[in-house]
C-alpha atoms as a PDB file:
ATOM      1  CA  MET A   1     -13.740  12.963   1.309  1.00  0.00           C
ATOM      2  CA  GLY A   2     -16.146  14.832   4.370  1.00  0.00           C
ATOM      3  CA  LEU A   3     -15.370  15.474   7.747  1.00  0.00           C
ATOM      4  CA  LYS A   4     -18.103  13.628   8.303  1.00  0.00           C
ATOM      5  CA  TYR A   5     -17.441  10.293   6.813  1.00  0.00           C
ATOM      6  CA  LYS A   6     -13.319  10.604   7.987  1.00  0.00           C
ATOM      7  CA  ASN A   7     -13.065   7.880  10.277  1.00  0.00           C
ATOM      8  CA  ASN A   8     -15.269   5.458   9.413  1.00  0.00           C
ATOM      9  CA  TYR A   9     -13.808   4.568   6.043  1.00  0.00           C
ATOM     10  CA  ILE A  10     -12.169   1.111   6.029  1.00  0.00           C
ATOM     11  CA  LEU A  11      -8.400   0.445   4.386  1.00  0.00           C
ATOM     12  CA  LEU A  12      -7.797  -2.019   2.316  1.00  0.00           C
ATOM     13  CA  LYS A  13      -5.417  -3.427   4.005  1.00  0.00           C
ATOM     14  CA  GLU A  14      -7.556  -3.847   7.229  1.00  0.00           C
ATOM     15  CA  ILE A  15      -9.805  -5.910   5.197  1.00  0.00           C
ATOM     16  CA  TYR A  16      -6.743  -7.806   4.343  1.00  0.00           C
ATOM     17  CA  LYS A  17      -5.008  -8.592   7.548  1.00  0.00           C
ATOM     18  CA  ASN A  18      -8.978  -9.876   8.905  1.00  0.00           C
ATOM     19  CA  ILE A  19      -9.350 -12.188   6.380  1.00  0.00           C
ATOM     20  CA  LYS A  20      -6.165 -13.406   4.675  1.00  0.00           C
ATOM     21  CA  ASP A  21      -6.394 -16.568   6.967  1.00  0.00           C
ATOM     22  CA  SER A  22      -9.493 -17.547   5.406  1.00  0.00           C
ATOM     23  CA  PHE A  23      -8.054 -17.840   2.203  1.00  0.00           C
ATOM     24  CA  TYR A  24      -8.274 -21.508   0.800  1.00  0.00           C
ATOM     25  CA  LYS A  25      -4.810 -20.656  -0.778  1.00  0.00           C
ATOM     26  CA  LYS A  26      -1.576 -17.834   0.739  1.00  0.00           C
ATOM     27  CA  ILE A  27      -2.196 -14.874  -1.939  1.00  0.00           C
ATOM     28  CA  ASN A  28       0.359 -11.867  -0.955  1.00  0.00           C
ATOM     29  CA  TYR A  29      -1.287  -8.199  -0.696  1.00  0.00           C
ATOM     30  CA  SER A  30      -0.305  -6.708  -4.062  1.00  0.00           C
ATOM     31  CA  LEU A  31      -1.909  -9.751  -5.654  1.00  0.00           C
ATOM     32  CA  PHE A  32      -5.088  -9.029  -3.720  1.00  0.00           C
ATOM     33  CA  TYR A  33      -4.703  -5.372  -4.718  1.00  0.00           C
ATOM     34  CA  LYS A  34      -4.909  -6.446  -8.363  1.00  0.00           C
ATOM     35  CA  ILE A  35      -8.204  -9.069  -7.674  1.00  0.00           C
ATOM     36  CA  VAL A  36     -10.146  -6.216  -6.112  1.00  0.00           C
ATOM     37  CA  LYS A  37      -9.275  -3.798  -8.257  1.00  0.00           C
ATOM     38  CA  ARG A  38     -10.021  -6.032 -11.413  1.00  0.00           C
ATOM     39  CA  TYR A  39     -13.333  -6.635  -9.863  1.00  0.00           C
ATOM     40  CA  PHE A  40     -14.611  -3.299 -10.032  1.00  0.00           C
ATOM     41  CA  GLU A  41     -13.210  -2.280 -13.908  1.00  0.00           C
ATOM     42  CA  ILE A  42     -15.336  -5.136 -14.103  1.00  0.00           C
ATOM     43  CA  MET A  43     -18.353  -3.595 -12.121  1.00  0.00           C
ATOM     44  CA  ILE A  44     -17.942  -0.060 -13.946  1.00  0.00           C
ATOM     45  CA  ARG A  45     -17.627  -1.414 -17.401  1.00  0.00           C
ATOM     46  CA  ASP A  46     -21.198  -3.645 -16.650  1.00  0.00           C
ATOM     47  CA  LEU A  47     -22.780  -0.361 -15.264  1.00  0.00           C
ATOM     48  CA  VAL A  48     -21.293   2.101 -17.750  1.00  0.00           C
ATOM     49  CA  TYR A  49     -21.266   0.119 -20.971  1.00  0.00           C
ATOM     50  CA  ARG A  50     -23.112  -2.652 -21.272  1.00  0.00           C
ATOM     51  CA  ASP A  51     -25.728  -0.828 -18.897  1.00  0.00           C
ATOM     52  CA  ARG A  52     -26.270  -3.499 -16.035  1.00  0.00           C
ATOM     53  CA  GLU A  53     -27.044  -3.576 -12.992  1.00  0.00           C
ATOM     54  CA  VAL A  54     -24.571  -5.382 -11.107  1.00  0.00           C
ATOM     55  CA  PHE A  55     -25.177  -7.898  -8.415  1.00  0.00           C
ATOM     56  CA  MET A  56     -22.244  -8.073  -5.338  1.00  0.00           C
ATOM     57  CA  PRO A  57     -21.028 -11.398  -4.302  1.00  0.00           C
ATOM     58  CA  ASN A  58     -21.747 -12.601  -0.503  1.00  0.00           C
ATOM     59  CA  ARG A  59     -25.850 -10.944  -1.060  1.00  0.00           C
ATOM     60  CA  MET A  60     -24.917  -7.111  -0.314  1.00  0.00           C
ATOM     61  CA  GLY A  61     -26.823  -6.170  -2.544  1.00  0.00           C
ATOM     62  CA  TYR A  62     -26.383  -4.264  -6.206  1.00  0.00           C
ATOM     63  CA  VAL A  63     -25.195  -1.630  -7.729  1.00  0.00           C
ATOM     64  CA  TYR A  64     -26.416   0.084 -11.074  1.00  0.00           C
ATOM     65  CA  LEU A  65     -25.666   3.532 -12.825  1.00  0.00           C
ATOM     66  CA  GLU A  66     -28.650   6.483 -12.447  1.00  0.00           C
ATOM     67  CA  GLU A  67     -29.297   9.541 -14.425  1.00  0.00           C
ATOM     68  CA  LYS A  68     -30.361  12.724 -12.550  1.00  0.00           C
ATOM     69  CA  PRO A  69     -31.004  16.159 -12.792  1.00  0.00           C
ATOM     70  CA  HIS A  70     -28.631  18.578 -11.966  1.00  0.00           C
ATOM     71  CA  LYS A  71     -30.237  21.142  -9.075  1.00  0.00           C
ATOM     72  CA  ARG A  72     -28.634  24.410  -9.919  1.00  0.00           C
ATOM     73  CA  ALA A  73     -27.033  26.088 -13.064  1.00  0.00           C
ATOM     74  CA  PHE A  74     -24.512  26.446 -12.418  1.00  0.00           C
ATOM     75  CA  HIS A  75     -21.126  25.474 -10.751  1.00  0.00           C
ATOM     76  CA  ILE A  76     -18.450  27.689  -8.642  1.00  0.00           C
ATOM     77  CA  ARG A  77     -15.012  28.121  -9.776  1.00  0.00           C
ATOM     78  CA  THR A  78     -11.950  28.611  -8.124  1.00  0.00           C
ATOM     79  CA  ASP A  79      -8.976  31.115  -9.964  1.00  0.00           C
ATOM     80  CA  ILE A  80      -6.137  30.103  -8.641  1.00  0.00           C
ATOM     81  CA  ILE A  81      -3.702  31.707 -10.104  1.00  0.00           C
ATOM     82  CA  ALA A  82      -5.917  35.285 -10.694  1.00  0.00           C
ATOM     83  CA  SER A  83      -6.410  35.196  -6.487  1.00  0.00           C
ATOM     84  CA  LYS A  84      -2.317  35.157  -5.945  1.00  0.00           C
ATOM     85  CA  ILE A  85      -1.816  37.798  -8.394  1.00  0.00           C
ATOM     86  CA  LYS A  86      -4.341  39.913  -6.348  1.00  0.00           C
ATOM     87  CA  GLY A  87      -4.018  38.111  -3.027  1.00  0.00           C
ATOM     88  CA  LYS A  88      -8.270  37.733  -2.752  1.00  0.00           C
ATOM     89  CA  LEU A  89      -9.773  34.683  -3.452  1.00  0.00           C
ATOM     90  CA  ILE A  90     -12.095  35.388  -6.700  1.00  0.00           C
ATOM     91  CA  GLN A  91     -14.041  32.926  -8.493  1.00  0.00           C
ATOM     92  CA  TYR A  92     -16.709  32.590 -11.497  1.00  0.00           C
ATOM     93  CA  LYS A  93     -19.656  30.869 -12.120  1.00  0.00           C
ATOM     94  CA  VAL A  94     -19.433  28.612 -14.635  1.00  0.00           C
ATOM     95  CA  PRO A  95     -23.063  27.099 -16.301  1.00  0.00           C
ATOM     96  CA  ILE A  96     -23.269  23.318 -16.297  1.00  0.00           C
ATOM     97  CA  LEU A  97     -23.672  22.202 -20.076  1.00  0.00           C
ATOM     98  CA  ASP A  98     -25.667  18.910 -19.603  1.00  0.00           C
ATOM     99  CA  ASP A  99     -28.877  18.517 -17.597  1.00  0.00           C
ATOM    100  CA  PHE A 100     -28.088  15.398 -16.069  1.00  0.00           C
ATOM    101  CA  TYR A 101     -25.110  13.615 -14.357  1.00  0.00           C
ATOM    102  CA  LYS A 102     -24.926   9.426 -13.114  1.00  0.00           C
ATOM    103  CA  LYS A 103     -24.360   8.774  -9.971  1.00  0.00           C
ATOM    104  CA  ILE A 104     -23.801   4.728  -8.403  1.00  0.00           C
ATOM    105  CA  VAL A 105     -26.414   3.609  -6.912  1.00  0.00           C
ATOM    106  CA  TRP A 106     -26.292   0.855  -4.316  1.00  0.00           C
ATOM    107  CA  ILE A 107     -29.451  -0.940  -3.403  1.00  0.00           C
ATOM    108  CA  LYS A 108     -28.206  -3.202   0.233  1.00  0.00           C
ATOM    109  CA  PRO A 109     -30.300  -5.524   2.383  1.00  0.00           C
ATOM    110  CA  LYS A 110     -30.297  -3.195   6.259  1.00  0.00           C
ATOM    111  CA  LYS A 111     -27.352  -5.015   7.796  1.00  0.00           C
ATOM    112  CA  TYR A 112     -24.987  -2.662   5.253  1.00  0.00           C
ATOM    113  CA  THR A 113     -26.637   0.355   5.202  1.00  0.00           C
ATOM    114  CA  ASN A 114     -23.934   2.034   7.092  1.00  0.00           C
ATOM    115  CA  CYS A 115     -21.667   1.674   3.935  1.00  0.00           C
ATOM    116  CA  LYS A 116     -20.941   4.029   0.809  1.00  0.00           C
ATOM    117  CA  ILE A 117     -19.630   3.530  -2.404  1.00  0.00           C
ATOM    118  CA  LEU A 118     -17.237   6.778  -3.368  1.00  0.00           C
ATOM    119  CA  PRO A 119     -16.674   6.570  -6.712  1.00  0.00           C
ATOM    120  CA  LEU A 120     -12.997   6.403  -7.632  1.00  0.00           C
ATOM    121  CA  GLY A 121     -10.258   8.623 -10.278  1.00  0.00           C
ATOM    122  CA  TYR A 122     -10.783   6.328 -12.722  1.00  0.00           C
ATOM    123  CA  SER A 123     -14.432   5.624 -12.869  1.00  0.00           C
ATOM    124  CA  LYS A 124     -16.093   9.023 -12.952  1.00  0.00           C
ATOM    125  CA  LYS A 125     -13.635   8.963 -16.173  1.00  0.00           C
ATOM    126  CA  ILE A 126     -15.367   6.543 -17.625  1.00  0.00           C
ATOM    127  CA  ILE A 127     -18.350   7.610 -16.372  1.00  0.00           C
ATOM    128  CA  ASN A 128     -18.109  11.152 -17.495  1.00  0.00           C
ATOM    129  CA  LYS A 129     -16.521   9.702 -20.942  1.00  0.00           C
ATOM    130  CA  ASN A 130     -19.562   7.997 -21.917  1.00  0.00           C
END
């Protein structure tokens, strides 16, 4: 997470605290978390395996998976073990083997322009596997 966005994120617990009174039936936080997690698992499945645009609830726009070309030919990798042995930072240029990378794109209405999607660990694995 970059320093630019450090204080701009809202935790799921904060969202739950703000909306728990508006639920038709009382649910605890663990059930709320499971529901939200399952929604995003289904959304990632539809994006990656079914190659669909996913429309978000409450007129929040839609999400799709875009394939973009790499802008540079190398990644910079740091060798931590060799750096500890030699006492200085050791880095290697590692070539990028594929020509494209995939990114989740959120097309959102004007009122959500400050919102951002962060790829979660399991979604990155699924996207890179496909």
